């Protein structure tokens, strides 16, 4: 027996680029986005696993939820 009905899709993340303004404690950072806004971001799991260092002034890519644009995950650090 199969159930036919609407299947909930995963919500899409919104990606922004910006620059790390300040390093806070516990792997969190204050990020100045290119569009002029500011947000708090934390390092994503793979970045933490491979010990990728993030310093103030680094260019990064952040994933934000469309529901809460004040917090996000840092998913990429540009070289």
N, C-alpha and C. Protein backbone atom coordinates (compact mmCIF):
# COMPACT_ATOMS: atom_id res chain seq x y z
N UNK A 1 0.85 -1.18 0.00
CA UNK A 1 0.00 0.00 0.00
C UNK A 1 0.88 1.24 0.00
N UNK A 2 0.62 2.15 -0.90
CA UNK A 2 1.41 3.37 -0.97
C UNK A 2 0.55 4.55 -0.60
N UNK A 3 1.21 5.52 0.00
CA UNK A 3 0.52 6.75 0.39
C UNK A 3 0.83 7.80 -0.65
N UNK A 4 -0.19 8.35 -1.24
CA UNK A 4 0.02 9.37 -2.25
C UNK A 4 -0.48 10.69 -1.70
N UNK A 5 0.42 11.66 -1.68
CA UNK A 5 0.05 12.97 -1.18
C UNK A 5 1.23 13.91 -1.35
N UNK A 6 1.07 15.13 -0.88
CA UNK A 6 2.17 16.08 -1.02
C UNK A 6 3.36 15.68 -0.15
N UNK A 7 4.54 15.73 -0.75
CA UNK A 7 5.76 15.39 -0.04
C UNK A 7 6.46 16.69 0.35
N UNK A 8 6.78 16.83 1.62
CA UNK A 8 7.44 18.05 2.09
C UNK A 8 8.87 18.07 1.57
N UNK A 9 9.23 19.17 0.91
CA UNK A 9 10.59 19.33 0.42
C UNK A 9 11.42 20.07 1.46
N UNK A 10 12.72 19.85 1.40
CA UNK A 10 13.61 20.55 2.31
C UNK A 10 13.65 22.03 1.92
N UNK A 11 13.70 22.88 2.92
CA UNK A 11 13.73 24.31 2.61
C UNK A 11 15.07 24.67 1.98
N UNK A 12 15.03 25.57 1.06
CA UNK A 12 16.23 26.01 0.37
C UNK A 12 16.94 27.07 1.20
N UNK A 13 18.25 27.00 1.22
CA UNK A 13 19.05 27.98 1.94
C UNK A 13 19.37 29.14 0.99
N UNK A 14 19.58 30.30 1.58
CA UNK A 14 19.95 31.48 0.83
C UNK A 14 21.44 31.70 1.04
N UNK A 15 22.21 31.81 -0.03
CA UNK A 15 23.65 31.98 0.08
C UNK A 15 24.05 33.43 -0.14
N UNK A 16 24.93 33.94 0.72
CA UNK A 16 25.47 35.28 0.61
C UNK A 16 26.97 35.21 0.73
N UNK A 17 27.65 36.23 0.23
CA UNK A 17 29.09 36.36 0.43
C UNK A 17 29.34 37.57 1.31
N UNK A 18 30.44 37.50 2.05
CA UNK A 18 30.76 38.61 2.93
C UNK A 18 32.17 38.49 3.46
N UNK A 19 32.44 39.26 4.50
CA UNK A 19 33.76 39.30 5.10
C UNK A 19 33.62 39.17 6.61
N UNK A 20 34.53 38.42 7.22
CA UNK A 20 34.50 38.24 8.67
C UNK A 20 34.93 39.55 9.33
N UNK A 21 34.07 40.09 10.18
CA UNK A 21 34.37 41.35 10.85
C UNK A 21 35.02 41.12 12.21
N UNK A 22 34.58 40.07 12.92
CA UNK A 22 35.07 39.83 14.27
C UNK A 22 34.93 38.35 14.61
N UNK A 23 35.92 37.82 15.30
CA UNK A 23 35.87 36.44 15.76
C UNK A 23 35.32 36.43 17.17
N UNK A 24 34.19 35.78 17.37
CA UNK A 24 33.59 35.65 18.69
C UNK A 24 34.04 34.31 19.28
N UNK A 25 33.59 33.97 20.44
CA UNK A 25 33.98 32.71 21.05
C UNK A 25 33.25 31.52 20.47
N UNK A 26 33.79 30.33 20.72
CA UNK A 26 33.13 29.06 20.41
C UNK A 26 32.85 28.86 18.92
N UNK A 27 33.77 29.29 18.05
CA UNK A 27 33.62 29.05 16.62
C UNK A 27 32.57 29.89 15.94
N UNK A 28 32.20 31.03 16.53
CA UNK A 28 31.22 31.93 15.92
C UNK A 28 31.92 33.20 15.46
N UNK A 29 31.33 33.83 14.44
CA UNK A 29 31.94 35.00 13.84
C UNK A 29 30.87 36.03 13.52
N UNK A 30 31.23 37.32 13.61
CA UNK A 30 30.36 38.39 13.15
C UNK A 30 30.75 38.67 11.71
N UNK A 31 29.77 38.64 10.82
CA UNK A 31 30.03 38.71 9.38
C UNK A 31 29.34 39.94 8.80
N UNK A 32 30.10 40.72 8.03
CA UNK A 32 29.54 41.85 7.28
C UNK A 32 29.26 41.35 5.86
N UNK A 33 27.98 41.27 5.51
CA UNK A 33 27.60 40.77 4.19
C UNK A 33 27.80 41.85 3.13
N UNK A 34 27.91 41.43 1.88
CA UNK A 34 28.13 42.37 0.78
C UNK A 34 26.95 43.30 0.57
N UNK A 35 25.75 42.89 0.97
CA UNK A 35 24.57 43.73 0.77
C UNK A 35 24.39 44.75 1.89
N UNK A 36 25.36 44.84 2.83
CA UNK A 36 25.32 45.86 3.87
C UNK A 36 24.78 45.37 5.20
N UNK A 37 24.21 44.18 5.25
CA UNK A 37 23.69 43.64 6.51
C UNK A 37 24.79 42.97 7.31
N UNK A 38 24.49 42.68 8.56
CA UNK A 38 25.43 41.99 9.43
C UNK A 38 24.75 40.77 10.04
N UNK A 39 25.49 39.68 10.20
CA UNK A 39 24.92 38.45 10.73
C UNK A 39 25.96 37.73 11.58
N UNK A 40 25.50 36.73 12.32
CA UNK A 40 26.38 35.87 13.11
C UNK A 40 26.46 34.53 12.40
N UNK A 41 27.67 34.00 12.25
CA UNK A 41 27.84 32.73 11.57
C UNK A 41 28.71 31.79 12.36
N UNK A 42 28.51 30.49 12.14
CA UNK A 42 29.35 29.48 12.78
C UNK A 42 29.92 28.58 11.70
N UNK A 43 31.01 27.91 12.00
CA UNK A 43 31.66 27.07 10.99
C UNK A 43 30.84 25.80 10.77
N UNK A 44 30.71 25.42 9.51
CA UNK A 44 29.98 24.21 9.15
C UNK A 44 30.78 22.99 9.56
N UNK A 45 30.14 21.84 9.57
CA UNK A 45 30.75 20.61 10.06
C UNK A 45 32.02 20.20 9.34
N UNK A 46 32.03 20.25 8.00
CA UNK A 46 33.23 19.84 7.27
C UNK A 46 34.37 20.81 7.51
N UNK A 47 34.07 22.10 7.66
CA UNK A 47 35.13 23.07 7.92
C UNK A 47 35.73 22.83 9.30
N UNK A 48 34.89 22.47 10.23
CA UNK A 48 35.37 22.16 11.58
C UNK A 48 36.17 20.86 11.58
N UNK A 49 35.69 19.88 10.82
CA UNK A 49 36.34 18.57 10.76
C UNK A 49 37.75 18.66 10.18
N UNK A 50 37.91 19.44 9.11
CA UNK A 50 39.21 19.57 8.48
C UNK A 50 40.02 20.74 9.02
N UNK A 51 39.55 21.33 10.09
CA UNK A 51 40.24 22.41 10.82
C UNK A 51 40.63 23.57 9.91
N UNK A 52 39.69 24.06 9.13
CA UNK A 52 39.93 25.21 8.27
C UNK A 52 39.84 26.45 9.13
N UNK A 53 40.90 27.22 9.16
CA UNK A 53 40.97 28.41 10.01
C UNK A 53 40.27 29.58 9.33
N UNK A 54 39.56 30.35 10.13
CA UNK A 54 38.90 31.56 9.64
C UNK A 54 39.35 32.71 10.53
N UNK A 55 39.85 33.77 9.90
CA UNK A 55 40.35 34.93 10.62
C UNK A 55 39.57 36.17 10.19
N UNK A 56 39.54 37.20 11.03
CA UNK A 56 38.90 38.45 10.61
C UNK A 56 39.55 38.99 9.34
N UNK A 57 38.72 39.40 8.39
CA UNK A 57 39.20 39.88 7.11
C UNK A 57 39.07 38.86 5.99
N UNK A 58 38.79 37.59 6.32
CA UNK A 58 38.64 36.55 5.30
C UNK A 58 37.32 36.72 4.55
N UNK A 59 37.35 36.44 3.24
CA UNK A 59 36.14 36.42 2.43
C UNK A 59 35.51 35.04 2.56
N UNK A 60 34.19 34.98 2.79
CA UNK A 60 33.52 33.71 3.03
C UNK A 60 32.17 33.66 2.30
N UNK A 61 31.62 32.43 2.23
CA UNK A 61 30.26 32.22 1.73
C UNK A 61 29.44 31.70 2.89
N UNK A 62 28.25 32.26 3.09
CA UNK A 62 27.38 31.92 4.23
C UNK A 62 26.04 31.42 3.72
N UNK A 63 25.52 30.37 4.34
CA UNK A 63 24.16 29.88 4.08
C UNK A 63 23.25 30.39 5.18
N UNK A 64 22.16 31.05 4.80
CA UNK A 64 21.19 31.55 5.78
C UNK A 64 19.84 30.91 5.50
N UNK A 65 19.08 30.69 6.55
CA UNK A 65 17.72 30.20 6.41
C UNK A 65 16.83 31.37 6.01
N UNK A 66 15.85 31.16 5.15
CA UNK A 66 14.95 32.26 4.79
C UNK A 66 14.10 32.74 5.97
N UNK A 67 14.02 31.94 7.03
CA UNK A 67 13.21 32.32 8.19
C UNK A 67 13.97 33.17 9.18
N UNK A 68 15.28 32.95 9.30
CA UNK A 68 16.09 33.71 10.27
C UNK A 68 17.36 34.18 9.57
N UNK A 69 17.37 35.43 9.16
CA UNK A 69 18.51 35.97 8.43
C UNK A 69 19.60 36.53 9.35
N UNK A 70 19.47 36.31 10.66
CA UNK A 70 20.48 36.83 11.58
C UNK A 70 21.53 35.79 11.94
N UNK A 71 21.31 34.52 11.59
CA UNK A 71 22.27 33.45 11.90
C UNK A 71 22.47 32.59 10.67
N UNK A 72 23.70 32.09 10.51
CA UNK A 72 23.97 31.26 9.35
C UNK A 72 25.18 30.37 9.54
N UNK A 73 25.44 29.52 8.53
CA UNK A 73 26.59 28.62 8.57
C UNK A 73 27.60 29.07 7.53
N UNK A 74 28.86 29.10 7.93
CA UNK A 74 29.93 29.42 7.01
C UNK A 74 30.28 28.14 6.28
N UNK A 75 30.10 28.14 4.95
CA UNK A 75 30.30 26.91 4.19
C UNK A 75 31.54 26.95 3.30
N UNK A 76 32.13 28.13 3.09
CA UNK A 76 33.29 28.21 2.21
C UNK A 76 34.13 29.43 2.57
N UNK A 77 35.45 29.25 2.56
CA UNK A 77 36.37 30.36 2.76
C UNK A 77 37.19 30.51 1.49
N UNK A 78 37.15 31.72 0.91
CA UNK A 78 37.92 31.98 -0.31
C UNK A 78 39.39 32.13 0.03
N UNK A 79 40.27 31.78 -0.92
CA UNK A 79 41.71 31.86 -0.69
C UNK A 79 42.24 33.25 -0.87
